[in-house]
Amino acid sequence: MKMMRRVVISVVMILLSAPLIYGQDLSKYRNFSFGMSLVELSKQIDSQPLHTKLIHKHPAVIQELAWWPRDSSDSSLQADSVRQVFFSFYNGELYKILVTYDRHATQGLTAEDMIQAVSTKYGTTTRPEAQISFPTNELYRSTEKVIARWEDSQYSINLFRSSLLNSFGLVMFSKRLDGQADAAIAESVKLEGREDLQKESDRQKREADNLEVARQKNRNTFHP
C-alpha cells in the first residue's frame, strides 16, 4: 500500500512539474527553433524569400526575413496578437527573433500583464536594468529599455516596449550565435567603412583625371 502511494505521488509530481519544465524551454518561439535554416523556416511559414534582406556579406552572411502573420493563412503564430516578426540569420542559422505585437491586441495591458503572460511560457523572470539594441533593424531606436528578461546559459528572451512604435515586443536570441553575429557585424561595418573610403578616393581621382584631360584639351583649343 505504501509503495503504491509513493508511486502515485511520484507520478503526480512528474505531471505537475512537466508544464514548468516545458515552460522553461527558451530554445524556441512557438514553432521556430534557434539554429534552424532559412529554408526550413520559409517552409514553415509558407513564404517565398521575397522579404529576405541581405544585411552583410563579409565576414559572415547576415540576413533578415520579415513576416506579417496577418497576411498568412497559418494560424500557428496566433495572428490576432502578432503584428510583425523579424527573423535574423547568421550564416544561414536562425539566431534572433524580433516580435512586435499588435497594439489593438495589447491595448490596455500593463507591463505586469505582459510579464505574467510571457512567464506562463518561459517561467521565472528577472527585471534587469538593461537596454536591448537593434543594430540591423531600422524600425526601432538604437536601444530600448528591457522590461523583463527570461534567460539561461544559452538563450535570452527580453520584453520591451518600443518608444517609437508604442507597442510591446519580444527580442530573443541564441547567446552563442548572437555573439558571433555581433562580432561579424562589427567587422563588416569596419570593412564597409574602408571600402567607402576607397570608393570615395577612387571617385575623387577619377574626377581629377577627367578634369586634367579636359584641361589639356581646352589648353590646345581655347582662344581668348
N, C-alpha and C. Protein backbone atom coordinates (compact mmCIF):
# COMPACT_ATOMS: atom_id res chain seq x y z
N MET A 1 0.84 -1.21 0.00
CA MET A 1 0.00 0.00 0.00
C MET A 1 0.87 1.26 0.00
N LYS A 2 1.89 1.23 0.87
CA LYS A 2 2.79 2.39 0.94
C LYS A 2 3.53 2.58 -0.38
N MET A 3 3.91 1.43 -0.97
CA MET A 3 4.62 1.50 -2.24
C MET A 3 3.74 2.11 -3.33
N MET A 4 2.46 1.69 -3.38
CA MET A 4 1.53 2.24 -4.35
C MET A 4 1.34 3.73 -4.15
N ARG A 5 1.27 4.15 -2.88
CA ARG A 5 1.08 5.56 -2.58
C ARG A 5 2.27 6.38 -3.05
N ARG A 6 3.47 5.81 -2.85
CA ARG A 6 4.67 6.52 -3.31
C ARG A 6 4.69 6.65 -4.82
N VAL A 7 4.27 5.59 -5.51
CA VAL A 7 4.23 5.62 -6.96
C VAL A 7 3.26 6.69 -7.45
N VAL A 8 2.07 6.72 -6.83
CA VAL A 8 1.06 7.71 -7.21
C VAL A 8 1.57 9.12 -6.99
N ILE A 9 2.20 9.36 -5.85
CA ILE A 9 2.75 10.68 -5.53
C ILE A 9 3.82 11.07 -6.54
N SER A 10 4.67 10.11 -6.89
CA SER A 10 5.74 10.39 -7.86
C SER A 10 5.17 10.77 -9.22
N VAL A 11 4.14 10.03 -9.66
CA VAL A 11 3.51 10.33 -10.94
C VAL A 11 2.88 11.71 -10.94
N VAL A 12 2.19 12.04 -9.84
CA VAL A 12 1.56 13.36 -9.73
C VAL A 12 2.60 14.47 -9.78
N MET A 13 3.73 14.28 -9.08
CA MET A 13 4.78 15.29 -9.07
C MET A 13 5.36 15.48 -10.46
N ILE A 14 5.53 14.38 -11.19
CA ILE A 14 6.06 14.48 -12.55
C ILE A 14 5.09 15.25 -13.44
N LEU A 15 3.79 14.93 -13.31
CA LEU A 15 2.79 15.62 -14.13
C LEU A 15 2.72 17.10 -13.81
N LEU A 16 2.84 17.43 -12.54
CA LEU A 16 2.78 18.83 -12.14
C LEU A 16 4.02 19.60 -12.59
N SER A 17 5.15 18.94 -12.61
CA SER A 17 6.38 19.63 -12.98
C SER A 17 6.57 19.71 -14.48
N ALA A 18 5.86 18.89 -15.25
CA ALA A 18 6.03 18.88 -16.70
C ALA A 18 5.75 20.23 -17.34
N PRO A 19 4.64 20.93 -17.02
CA PRO A 19 4.42 22.23 -17.62
C PRO A 19 5.52 23.21 -17.30
N LEU A 20 6.06 23.14 -16.08
CA LEU A 20 7.11 24.06 -15.69
C LEU A 20 8.36 23.81 -16.51
N ILE A 21 8.69 22.52 -16.68
CA ILE A 21 9.87 22.18 -17.47
C ILE A 21 9.70 22.65 -18.90
N TYR A 22 8.50 22.39 -19.43
CA TYR A 22 8.22 22.82 -20.80
C TYR A 22 8.26 24.33 -20.92
N GLY A 23 7.72 24.99 -19.92
CA GLY A 23 7.65 26.44 -19.95
C GLY A 23 9.00 27.10 -19.91
N GLN A 24 10.02 26.39 -19.46
CA GLN A 24 11.34 26.98 -19.36
C GLN A 24 12.23 26.62 -20.55
N ASP A 25 11.65 26.09 -21.60
CA ASP A 25 12.42 25.82 -22.81
C ASP A 25 12.56 27.12 -23.59
N LEU A 26 13.73 27.73 -23.49
CA LEU A 26 13.96 29.02 -24.12
C LEU A 26 14.57 28.90 -25.51
N SER A 27 14.67 27.70 -26.01
CA SER A 27 15.35 27.49 -27.29
C SER A 27 14.46 27.73 -28.49
N LYS A 28 13.18 28.04 -28.25
CA LYS A 28 12.28 28.21 -29.39
C LYS A 28 11.21 29.24 -29.07
N TYR A 29 10.63 29.77 -30.12
CA TYR A 29 9.46 30.63 -30.02
C TYR A 29 8.36 29.99 -30.85
N ARG A 30 7.36 29.49 -30.15
CA ARG A 30 6.29 28.74 -30.81
C ARG A 30 6.89 27.61 -31.64
N ASN A 31 6.76 27.62 -32.95
CA ASN A 31 7.26 26.51 -33.77
C ASN A 31 8.66 26.77 -34.33
N PHE A 32 9.28 27.86 -33.94
CA PHE A 32 10.56 28.24 -34.52
C PHE A 32 11.69 28.03 -33.51
N SER A 33 12.71 27.28 -33.94
CA SER A 33 13.82 26.94 -33.05
C SER A 33 15.09 27.63 -33.51
N PHE A 34 15.87 28.11 -32.55
CA PHE A 34 17.14 28.72 -32.90
C PHE A 34 18.06 27.69 -33.54
N GLY A 35 18.77 28.10 -34.58
CA GLY A 35 19.64 27.21 -35.31
C GLY A 35 19.02 26.65 -36.57
N MET A 36 17.68 26.79 -36.73
CA MET A 36 17.04 26.28 -37.94
C MET A 36 17.46 27.14 -39.13
N SER A 37 17.39 26.54 -40.31
CA SER A 37 17.85 27.23 -41.51
C SER A 37 16.78 28.16 -42.08
N LEU A 38 17.21 29.03 -42.95
CA LEU A 38 16.29 29.94 -43.63
C LEU A 38 15.30 29.16 -44.48
N VAL A 39 15.77 28.11 -45.12
CA VAL A 39 14.89 27.28 -45.96
C VAL A 39 13.83 26.60 -45.10
N GLU A 40 14.24 26.03 -43.97
CA GLU A 40 13.29 25.36 -43.08
C GLU A 40 12.24 26.33 -42.57
N LEU A 41 12.67 27.52 -42.18
CA LEU A 41 11.73 28.49 -41.65
C LEU A 41 10.77 28.97 -42.74
N SER A 42 11.29 29.21 -43.93
CA SER A 42 10.45 29.67 -45.03
C SER A 42 9.36 28.66 -45.35
N LYS A 43 9.70 27.37 -45.26
CA LYS A 43 8.70 26.34 -45.50
C LYS A 43 7.63 26.35 -44.42
N GLN A 44 8.03 26.60 -43.18
CA GLN A 44 7.07 26.61 -42.07
C GLN A 44 6.04 27.71 -42.24
N ILE A 45 6.48 28.87 -42.68
CA ILE A 45 5.55 29.99 -42.79
C ILE A 45 5.00 30.13 -44.20
N ASP A 46 5.34 29.14 -45.06
CA ASP A 46 4.84 29.13 -46.43
C ASP A 46 5.12 30.45 -47.12
N SER A 47 6.36 30.90 -46.98
CA SER A 47 6.72 32.21 -47.52
C SER A 47 7.86 32.09 -48.52
N GLN A 48 7.70 32.76 -49.63
CA GLN A 48 8.81 32.88 -50.56
C GLN A 48 9.80 33.90 -49.98
N PRO A 49 11.09 33.77 -50.29
CA PRO A 49 12.08 34.67 -49.69
C PRO A 49 12.06 36.07 -50.30
N LEU A 50 10.85 36.59 -50.58
CA LEU A 50 10.74 37.91 -51.17
C LEU A 50 11.07 39.01 -50.18
N HIS A 51 10.82 38.75 -48.91
CA HIS A 51 11.07 39.77 -47.89
C HIS A 51 12.41 39.55 -47.19
N THR A 52 13.25 38.69 -47.75
CA THR A 52 14.56 38.45 -47.15
C THR A 52 15.52 39.55 -47.57
N LYS A 53 16.16 40.13 -46.58
CA LYS A 53 17.08 41.24 -46.82
C LYS A 53 18.49 40.83 -46.44
N LEU A 54 19.43 41.06 -47.34
CA LEU A 54 20.83 40.79 -47.05
C LEU A 54 21.40 42.00 -46.32
N ILE A 55 21.82 41.79 -45.07
CA ILE A 55 22.34 42.89 -44.26
C ILE A 55 23.85 43.05 -44.47
N HIS A 56 24.58 41.93 -44.38
CA HIS A 56 26.03 41.94 -44.59
C HIS A 56 26.43 40.67 -45.32
N LYS A 57 27.54 40.76 -46.08
CA LYS A 57 28.07 39.59 -46.79
C LYS A 57 29.38 39.09 -46.20
N HIS A 58 30.18 39.98 -45.67
CA HIS A 58 31.50 39.61 -45.16
C HIS A 58 31.70 40.24 -43.77
N PRO A 59 32.37 39.54 -42.87
CA PRO A 59 32.99 38.21 -42.99
C PRO A 59 32.00 37.07 -42.81
N ALA A 60 30.74 37.39 -42.54
CA ALA A 60 29.68 36.37 -42.42
C ALA A 60 28.43 36.92 -43.09
N VAL A 61 27.58 36.00 -43.52
CA VAL A 61 26.33 36.40 -44.17
C VAL A 61 25.26 36.63 -43.09
N ILE A 62 24.78 37.86 -43.01
CA ILE A 62 23.71 38.23 -42.08
C ILE A 62 22.48 38.55 -42.91
N GLN A 63 21.38 37.83 -42.67
CA GLN A 63 20.14 38.03 -43.42
C GLN A 63 18.98 38.25 -42.45
N GLU A 64 17.97 38.92 -42.95
CA GLU A 64 16.78 39.16 -42.15
C GLU A 64 15.54 38.88 -42.98
N LEU A 65 14.63 38.11 -42.40
CA LEU A 65 13.38 37.77 -43.07
C LEU A 65 12.23 38.42 -42.31
N ALA A 66 11.47 39.27 -42.98
CA ALA A 66 10.32 39.93 -42.37
C ALA A 66 9.06 39.14 -42.71
N TRP A 67 8.19 38.99 -41.71
CA TRP A 67 6.95 38.24 -41.90
C TRP A 67 5.81 38.94 -41.20
N TRP A 68 4.69 39.05 -41.90
CA TRP A 68 3.47 39.63 -41.35
C TRP A 68 2.44 38.51 -41.22
N PRO A 69 2.26 37.92 -40.04
CA PRO A 69 1.36 36.77 -39.87
C PRO A 69 -0.06 37.04 -40.31
N ARG A 70 -0.53 38.27 -40.20
CA ARG A 70 -1.90 38.57 -40.58
C ARG A 70 -2.13 38.38 -42.08
N ASP A 71 -1.04 38.36 -42.84
CA ASP A 71 -1.16 38.14 -44.28
C ASP A 71 -1.09 36.66 -44.63
N SER A 72 -0.99 35.81 -43.61
CA SER A 72 -0.81 34.38 -43.83
C SER A 72 -2.02 33.61 -43.34
N SER A 73 -2.27 32.46 -43.97
CA SER A 73 -3.35 31.59 -43.53
C SER A 73 -2.91 30.68 -42.39
N ASP A 74 -1.61 30.71 -42.05
CA ASP A 74 -1.07 29.88 -40.98
C ASP A 74 -1.51 30.44 -39.63
N SER A 75 -2.22 29.63 -38.85
CA SER A 75 -2.73 30.09 -37.56
C SER A 75 -1.80 29.72 -36.40
N SER A 76 -0.64 29.12 -36.70
CA SER A 76 0.23 28.62 -35.63
C SER A 76 0.85 29.74 -34.83
N LEU A 77 0.88 30.96 -35.38
CA LEU A 77 1.53 32.07 -34.69
C LEU A 77 0.53 32.99 -34.01
N GLN A 78 -0.73 32.61 -33.95
CA GLN A 78 -1.76 33.42 -33.31
C GLN A 78 -1.74 34.83 -33.89
N ALA A 79 -2.15 34.93 -35.14
CA ALA A 79 -2.05 36.18 -35.88
C ALA A 79 -2.86 37.30 -35.25
N ASP A 80 -3.77 36.99 -34.33
CA ASP A 80 -4.56 38.05 -33.70
C ASP A 80 -3.72 38.88 -32.74
N SER A 81 -2.57 38.40 -32.31
CA SER A 81 -1.76 39.15 -31.35
C SER A 81 -0.43 39.64 -31.91
N VAL A 82 0.04 39.02 -32.98
CA VAL A 82 1.35 39.37 -33.53
C VAL A 82 1.17 40.22 -34.78
N ARG A 83 1.85 41.34 -34.81
CA ARG A 83 1.79 42.22 -35.97
C ARG A 83 2.87 41.89 -36.98
N GLN A 84 4.10 41.73 -36.49
CA GLN A 84 5.22 41.51 -37.40
C GLN A 84 6.33 40.74 -36.69
N VAL A 85 7.04 39.93 -37.47
CA VAL A 85 8.16 39.16 -36.93
C VAL A 85 9.36 39.34 -37.85
N PHE A 86 10.52 39.59 -37.23
CA PHE A 86 11.77 39.63 -37.98
C PHE A 86 12.63 38.46 -37.52
N PHE A 87 13.04 37.64 -38.47
CA PHE A 87 13.93 36.52 -38.19
C PHE A 87 15.32 36.89 -38.71
N SER A 88 16.34 36.80 -37.85
CA SER A 88 17.70 37.13 -38.26
C SER A 88 18.53 35.86 -38.35
N PHE A 89 19.35 35.78 -39.41
CA PHE A 89 20.14 34.58 -39.67
C PHE A 89 21.62 34.92 -39.74
N TYR A 90 22.43 34.06 -39.13
CA TYR A 90 23.88 34.16 -39.18
C TYR A 90 24.40 32.95 -39.95
N ASN A 91 24.98 33.21 -41.12
CA ASN A 91 25.44 32.12 -41.99
C ASN A 91 24.37 31.04 -42.17
N GLY A 92 23.13 31.49 -42.34
CA GLY A 92 22.03 30.57 -42.62
C GLY A 92 21.34 29.98 -41.41
N GLU A 93 21.79 30.31 -40.19
CA GLU A 93 21.19 29.78 -38.97
C GLU A 93 20.39 30.86 -38.26
N LEU A 94 19.18 30.53 -37.82
CA LEU A 94 18.36 31.47 -37.08
C LEU A 94 18.99 31.75 -35.73
N TYR A 95 19.30 33.03 -35.48
CA TYR A 95 19.94 33.36 -34.20
C TYR A 95 19.16 34.40 -33.39
N LYS A 96 18.24 35.11 -34.04
CA LYS A 96 17.49 36.14 -33.31
C LYS A 96 16.08 36.25 -33.88
N ILE A 97 15.12 36.48 -32.99
CA ILE A 97 13.73 36.68 -33.38
C ILE A 97 13.22 37.97 -32.72
N LEU A 98 12.66 38.84 -33.52
CA LEU A 98 12.09 40.08 -33.00
C LEU A 98 10.60 40.09 -33.31
N VAL A 99 9.78 40.07 -32.26
CA VAL A 99 8.33 40.01 -32.40
C VAL A 99 7.73 41.35 -31.99
N THR A 100 6.91 41.92 -32.84
CA THR A 100 6.17 43.13 -32.50
C THR A 100 4.70 42.77 -32.38
N TYR A 101 4.11 43.06 -31.22
CA TYR A 101 2.70 42.72 -31.00
C TYR A 101 1.79 43.84 -31.50
N ASP A 102 0.63 43.43 -31.97
CA ASP A 102 -0.35 44.39 -32.47
C ASP A 102 -0.85 45.26 -31.33
N ARG A 103 -0.90 46.56 -31.56
CA ARG A 103 -1.30 47.49 -30.49
C ARG A 103 -2.74 47.27 -30.04
N HIS A 104 -3.61 46.88 -30.97
CA HIS A 104 -5.00 46.63 -30.59
C HIS A 104 -5.12 45.38 -29.73
N ALA A 105 -4.28 44.37 -30.02
CA ALA A 105 -4.33 43.13 -29.25
C ALA A 105 -3.79 43.31 -27.83
N THR A 106 -2.96 44.33 -27.63
CA THR A 106 -2.38 44.56 -26.29
C THR A 106 -2.91 45.85 -25.66
N GLN A 107 -3.93 46.43 -26.27
CA GLN A 107 -4.47 47.69 -25.75
C GLN A 107 -4.95 47.52 -24.30
N GLY A 108 -4.51 48.40 -23.44
CA GLY A 108 -4.91 48.36 -22.03
C GLY A 108 -4.05 47.46 -21.17
N LEU A 109 -3.26 46.58 -21.77
CA LEU A 109 -2.42 45.68 -20.99
C LEU A 109 -1.23 46.44 -20.41
N THR A 110 -0.95 46.18 -19.16
CA THR A 110 0.18 46.81 -18.50
C THR A 110 1.43 45.95 -18.70
N ALA A 111 2.56 46.51 -18.29
CA ALA A 111 3.80 45.74 -18.35
C ALA A 111 3.68 44.48 -17.51
N GLU A 112 3.04 44.56 -16.36
CA GLU A 112 2.87 43.39 -15.49
C GLU A 112 2.00 42.33 -16.16
N ASP A 113 0.97 42.77 -16.89
CA ASP A 113 0.13 41.83 -17.62
C ASP A 113 0.96 41.06 -18.65
N MET A 114 1.81 41.79 -19.36
CA MET A 114 2.64 41.16 -20.38
C MET A 114 3.65 40.21 -19.76
N ILE A 115 4.24 40.62 -18.65
CA ILE A 115 5.21 39.76 -17.96
C ILE A 115 4.55 38.47 -17.52
N GLN A 116 3.36 38.58 -16.95
CA GLN A 116 2.65 37.39 -16.48
C GLN A 116 2.33 36.46 -17.65
N ALA A 117 1.92 37.02 -18.79
CA ALA A 117 1.57 36.20 -19.95
C ALA A 117 2.80 35.47 -20.50
N VAL A 118 3.91 36.18 -20.61
CA VAL A 118 5.12 35.56 -21.15
C VAL A 118 5.69 34.53 -20.17
N SER A 119 5.54 34.81 -18.87
CA SER A 119 6.06 33.89 -17.84
C SER A 119 5.36 32.55 -17.85
N THR A 120 4.10 32.51 -18.29
CA THR A 120 3.41 31.22 -18.38
C THR A 120 4.07 30.30 -19.39
N LYS A 121 4.81 30.89 -20.32
CA LYS A 121 5.52 30.12 -21.34
C LYS A 121 6.97 29.85 -20.96
N TYR A 122 7.62 30.88 -20.40
CA TYR A 122 9.07 30.79 -20.21
C TYR A 122 9.52 30.76 -18.76
N GLY A 123 8.60 30.75 -17.83
CA GLY A 123 8.99 30.56 -16.43
C GLY A 123 9.38 31.83 -15.71
N THR A 124 10.31 31.69 -14.76
CA THR A 124 10.70 32.78 -13.87
C THR A 124 11.42 33.88 -14.64
N THR A 125 11.09 35.12 -14.30
CA THR A 125 11.68 36.28 -14.97
C THR A 125 12.59 37.06 -14.04
N THR A 126 13.40 37.91 -14.63
CA THR A 126 14.21 38.87 -13.87
C THR A 126 13.88 40.26 -14.39
N ARG A 127 14.23 41.27 -13.61
CA ARG A 127 13.97 42.66 -14.00
C ARG A 127 15.30 43.43 -14.03
N PRO A 128 16.12 43.18 -15.03
CA PRO A 128 17.43 43.83 -15.05
C PRO A 128 17.35 45.29 -15.46
N GLU A 129 18.31 46.06 -15.01
CA GLU A 129 18.47 47.43 -15.50
C GLU A 129 19.33 47.32 -16.76
N ALA A 130 18.67 47.12 -17.88
CA ALA A 130 19.41 46.83 -19.11
C ALA A 130 18.72 47.46 -20.31
N GLN A 131 19.49 47.59 -21.38
CA GLN A 131 18.99 48.06 -22.66
C GLN A 131 19.20 46.95 -23.69
N ILE A 132 18.33 46.92 -24.68
CA ILE A 132 18.46 45.96 -25.77
C ILE A 132 18.63 46.75 -27.06
N SER A 133 19.50 46.26 -27.94
CA SER A 133 19.78 47.01 -29.16
C SER A 133 19.25 46.29 -30.39
N PHE A 134 19.09 47.04 -31.47
CA PHE A 134 18.56 46.51 -32.73
C PHE A 134 19.47 47.01 -33.86
N PRO A 135 20.69 46.47 -33.96
CA PRO A 135 21.67 47.02 -34.90
C PRO A 135 21.30 46.88 -36.37
N THR A 136 20.42 45.95 -36.72
CA THR A 136 20.10 45.75 -38.14
C THR A 136 18.68 46.16 -38.49
N ASN A 137 17.93 46.71 -37.53
CA ASN A 137 16.52 47.00 -37.78
C ASN A 137 16.25 48.49 -37.72
N GLU A 138 15.72 49.03 -38.81
CA GLU A 138 15.51 50.46 -38.91
C GLU A 138 14.20 50.93 -38.28
N LEU A 139 13.31 50.00 -37.90
CA LEU A 139 12.02 50.38 -37.34
C LEU A 139 12.12 50.78 -35.87
N TYR A 140 13.24 50.46 -35.23
CA TYR A 140 13.38 50.72 -33.81
C TYR A 140 14.52 51.70 -33.56
N ARG A 141 14.43 52.34 -32.42
CA ARG A 141 15.55 53.17 -31.99
C ARG A 141 16.74 52.27 -31.73
N SER A 142 17.90 52.87 -31.55
CA SER A 142 19.12 52.07 -31.39
C SER A 142 19.05 51.17 -30.17
N THR A 143 18.40 51.65 -29.10
CA THR A 143 18.24 50.83 -27.90
C THR A 143 16.86 51.04 -27.29
N GLU A 144 16.38 50.03 -26.57
CA GLU A 144 15.13 50.13 -25.81
C GLU A 144 15.36 49.53 -24.43
N LYS A 145 14.62 50.01 -23.46
CA LYS A 145 14.74 49.52 -22.10
C LYS A 145 14.09 48.14 -21.97
N VAL A 146 14.80 47.22 -21.33
CA VAL A 146 14.26 45.89 -21.08
C VAL A 146 13.30 45.95 -19.89
N ILE A 147 12.07 45.50 -20.11
CA ILE A 147 11.08 45.46 -19.04
C ILE A 147 11.28 44.22 -18.18
N ALA A 148 11.51 43.09 -18.84
CA ALA A 148 11.72 41.83 -18.13
C ALA A 148 12.54 40.91 -19.01
N ARG A 149 13.22 39.95 -18.37
CA ARG A 149 14.09 39.05 -19.11
C ARG A 149 13.94 37.63 -18.59
N TRP A 150 13.93 36.69 -19.54
CA TRP A 150 13.95 35.26 -19.24
C TRP A 150 15.22 34.71 -19.91
N GLU A 151 16.07 34.05 -19.16
CA GLU A 151 17.30 33.57 -19.78
C GLU A 151 17.88 32.38 -19.06
N ASP A 152 18.74 31.66 -19.79
CA ASP A 152 19.56 30.62 -19.21
C ASP A 152 20.95 30.78 -19.80
N SER A 153 21.78 29.76 -19.71
CA SER A 153 23.15 29.89 -20.18
C SER A 153 23.26 30.00 -21.70
N GLN A 154 22.19 29.61 -22.42
CA GLN A 154 22.26 29.56 -23.88
C GLN A 154 21.37 30.58 -24.58
N TYR A 155 20.27 30.97 -23.94
CA TYR A 155 19.29 31.81 -24.63
C TYR A 155 18.83 32.97 -23.75
N SER A 156 18.37 34.02 -24.42
CA SER A 156 17.87 35.20 -23.72
C SER A 156 16.61 35.70 -24.41
N ILE A 157 15.57 35.97 -23.61
CA ILE A 157 14.29 36.49 -24.12
C ILE A 157 13.99 37.77 -23.36
N ASN A 158 13.71 38.85 -24.10
CA ASN A 158 13.58 40.16 -23.49
C ASN A 158 12.28 40.84 -23.92
N LEU A 159 11.52 41.28 -22.93
CA LEU A 159 10.30 42.03 -23.18
C LEU A 159 10.63 43.52 -23.13
N PHE A 160 10.12 44.26 -24.11
CA PHE A 160 10.36 45.70 -24.14
C PHE A 160 9.11 46.40 -24.69
N ARG A 161 9.11 47.70 -24.56
CA ARG A 161 8.04 48.49 -25.18
C ARG A 161 8.70 49.55 -26.05
N SER A 162 8.38 49.53 -27.33
CA SER A 162 9.00 50.45 -28.27
C SER A 162 8.54 51.87 -27.99
N SER A 163 9.49 52.76 -27.74
CA SER A 163 9.15 54.16 -27.50
C SER A 163 8.74 54.85 -28.80
N LEU A 164 9.12 54.29 -29.93
CA LEU A 164 8.77 54.88 -31.22
C LEU A 164 7.44 54.37 -31.74
N LEU A 165 7.23 53.04 -31.65
CA LEU A 165 6.01 52.44 -32.17
C LEU A 165 4.90 52.35 -31.13
N ASN A 166 5.24 52.57 -29.85
CA ASN A 166 4.29 52.48 -28.75
C ASN A 166 3.61 51.11 -28.73
N SER A 167 4.42 50.07 -28.83
CA SER A 167 3.89 48.72 -28.81
C SER A 167 4.86 47.80 -28.08
N PHE A 168 4.32 46.73 -27.50
CA PHE A 168 5.17 45.76 -26.82
C PHE A 168 5.86 44.86 -27.86
N GLY A 169 6.99 44.32 -27.45
CA GLY A 169 7.70 43.40 -28.32
C GLY A 169 8.57 42.46 -27.53
N LEU A 170 8.99 41.40 -28.17
CA LEU A 170 9.94 40.45 -27.61
C LEU A 170 11.13 40.35 -28.55
N VAL A 171 12.32 40.40 -28.00
CA VAL A 171 13.50 40.08 -28.79
C VAL A 171 14.21 38.94 -28.07
N MET A 172 14.47 37.88 -28.80
CA MET A 172 15.06 36.68 -28.21
C MET A 172 16.18 36.19 -29.11
N PHE A 173 17.18 35.56 -28.50
CA PHE A 173 18.32 35.15 -29.30
C PHE A 173 19.11 34.03 -28.65
N SER A 174 19.86 33.34 -29.49
CA SER A 174 20.85 32.36 -29.04
C SER A 174 22.09 33.15 -28.65
N LYS A 175 22.54 33.02 -27.42
CA LYS A 175 23.70 33.80 -26.97
C LYS A 175 24.94 33.48 -27.79
N ARG A 176 25.14 32.22 -28.10
CA ARG A 176 26.32 31.83 -28.87
C ARG A 176 26.30 32.44 -30.26
N LEU A 177 25.20 32.24 -30.99
CA LEU A 177 25.12 32.76 -32.34
C LEU A 177 25.05 34.27 -32.37
N ASP A 178 24.38 34.87 -31.38
CA ASP A 178 24.27 36.32 -31.34
C ASP A 178 25.64 36.96 -31.13
N GLY A 179 26.45 36.33 -30.26
CA GLY A 179 27.80 36.85 -30.05
C GLY A 179 28.63 36.80 -31.31
N GLN A 180 28.52 35.69 -32.03
CA GLN A 180 29.25 35.56 -33.28
C GLN A 180 28.74 36.54 -34.33
N ALA A 181 27.41 36.72 -34.38
CA ALA A 181 26.82 37.64 -35.35
C ALA A 181 27.23 39.08 -35.05
N ASP A 182 27.20 39.47 -33.77
CA ASP A 182 27.59 40.83 -33.39
C ASP A 182 29.04 41.11 -33.80
N ALA A 183 29.92 40.14 -33.56
CA ALA A 183 31.33 40.32 -33.93
C ALA A 183 31.46 40.46 -35.45
N ALA A 184 30.70 39.64 -36.19
CA ALA A 184 30.76 39.70 -37.65
C ALA A 184 30.20 41.03 -38.17
N ILE A 185 29.12 41.51 -37.54
CA ILE A 185 28.53 42.78 -37.97
C ILE A 185 29.50 43.93 -37.72
N ALA A 186 30.15 43.92 -36.55
CA ALA A 186 31.11 44.97 -36.23
C ALA A 186 32.27 44.97 -37.23
N GLU A 187 32.76 43.78 -37.57
CA GLU A 187 33.86 43.68 -38.54
C GLU A 187 33.39 44.11 -39.92
N SER A 188 32.15 43.75 -40.27
CA SER A 188 31.61 44.13 -41.56
C SER A 188 31.49 45.65 -41.69
N VAL A 189 31.08 46.29 -40.61
CA VAL A 189 30.97 47.76 -40.62
C VAL A 189 32.34 48.38 -40.87
N LYS A 190 33.38 47.82 -40.24
CA LYS A 190 34.74 48.32 -40.45
C LYS A 190 35.16 48.14 -41.91
N LEU A 191 34.89 46.93 -42.44
CA LEU A 191 35.25 46.66 -43.83
C LEU A 191 34.52 47.58 -44.79
N GLU A 192 33.23 47.79 -44.53
CA GLU A 192 32.44 48.66 -45.39
C GLU A 192 32.93 50.10 -45.29
N GLY A 193 33.37 50.51 -44.08
CA GLY A 193 33.92 51.84 -43.91
C GLY A 193 35.18 52.03 -44.74
N ARG A 194 36.04 51.01 -44.73
CA ARG A 194 37.27 51.09 -45.53
C ARG A 194 36.92 51.11 -47.02
N GLU A 195 35.94 50.28 -47.42
CA GLU A 195 35.53 50.24 -48.81
C GLU A 195 34.96 51.59 -49.25
N ASP A 196 34.17 52.21 -48.36
CA ASP A 196 33.59 53.52 -48.68
C ASP A 196 34.69 54.57 -48.86
N LEU A 197 35.70 54.52 -47.99
CA LEU A 197 36.81 55.46 -48.11
C LEU A 197 37.56 55.25 -49.42
N GLN A 198 37.76 53.96 -49.78
CA GLN A 198 38.46 53.66 -51.02
C GLN A 198 37.63 54.10 -52.22
N LYS A 199 36.31 53.87 -52.16
CA LYS A 199 35.44 54.30 -53.26
C LYS A 199 35.46 55.82 -53.42
N GLU A 200 35.45 56.53 -52.29
CA GLU A 200 35.49 57.99 -52.34
C GLU A 200 36.83 58.47 -52.90
N SER A 201 37.90 57.79 -52.49
CA SER A 201 39.21 58.15 -53.02
C SER A 201 39.28 57.91 -54.52
N ASP A 202 38.74 56.77 -54.96
CA ASP A 202 38.72 56.46 -56.39
C ASP A 202 37.88 57.46 -57.15
N ARG A 203 36.76 57.87 -56.57
CA ARG A 203 35.89 58.85 -57.24
C ARG A 203 36.60 60.17 -57.41
N GLN A 204 37.27 60.62 -56.36
CA GLN A 204 38.00 61.89 -56.43
C GLN A 204 39.11 61.83 -57.47
N LYS A 205 39.79 60.66 -57.54
CA LYS A 205 40.86 60.51 -58.51
C LYS A 205 40.31 60.55 -59.93
N ARG A 206 39.15 59.89 -60.15
CA ARG A 206 38.55 59.92 -61.48
C ARG A 206 38.17 61.34 -61.88
N GLU A 207 37.61 62.08 -60.93
CA GLU A 207 37.24 63.47 -61.22
C GLU A 207 38.47 64.30 -61.56
N ALA A 208 39.54 64.08 -60.78
CA ALA A 208 40.78 64.83 -61.03
C ALA A 208 41.36 64.46 -62.40
N ASP A 209 41.33 63.15 -62.73
CA ASP A 209 41.85 62.72 -64.03
C ASP A 209 41.02 63.30 -65.17
N ASN A 210 39.69 63.27 -65.01
CA ASN A 210 38.82 63.82 -66.06
C ASN A 210 39.03 65.32 -66.21
N LEU A 211 39.24 65.98 -65.08
CA LEU A 211 39.46 67.43 -65.13
C LEU A 211 40.77 67.75 -65.84
N GLU A 212 41.79 66.92 -65.58
CA GLU A 212 43.08 67.14 -66.23
C GLU A 212 42.99 66.90 -67.73
N VAL A 213 42.23 65.86 -68.13
CA VAL A 213 42.03 65.59 -69.55
C VAL A 213 41.35 66.78 -70.22
N ALA A 214 40.31 67.31 -69.57
CA ALA A 214 39.60 68.46 -70.10
C ALA A 214 40.51 69.68 -70.16
N ARG A 215 41.35 69.82 -69.15
CA ARG A 215 42.29 70.96 -69.10
C ARG A 215 43.25 70.93 -70.28
N GLN A 216 43.85 69.75 -70.52
CA GLN A 216 44.81 69.64 -71.61
C GLN A 216 44.15 69.89 -72.96
N LYS A 217 42.92 69.37 -73.10
CA LYS A 217 42.21 69.57 -74.36
C LYS A 217 41.88 71.03 -74.57
N ASN A 218 41.40 71.67 -73.53
CA ASN A 218 40.99 73.07 -73.65
C ASN A 218 42.19 74.01 -73.80
N ARG A 219 43.33 73.60 -73.25
CA ARG A 219 44.54 74.44 -73.42
C ARG A 219 44.92 74.55 -74.89
N ASN A 220 44.66 73.48 -75.63
CA ASN A 220 45.04 73.48 -77.06
C ASN A 220 43.99 74.15 -77.96
N THR A 221 42.76 74.25 -77.45
CA THR A 221 41.69 74.77 -78.31
C THR A 221 41.15 76.12 -77.87
N PHE A 222 41.47 76.55 -76.67
CA PHE A 222 40.88 77.78 -76.14
C PHE A 222 41.52 79.02 -76.80
N HIS A 223 40.67 79.93 -77.27
CA HIS A 223 41.14 81.21 -77.85
C HIS A 223 40.47 82.34 -77.12
N PRO A 224 41.23 83.20 -76.46
CA PRO A 224 40.63 84.33 -75.71
C PRO A 224 40.04 85.39 -76.64
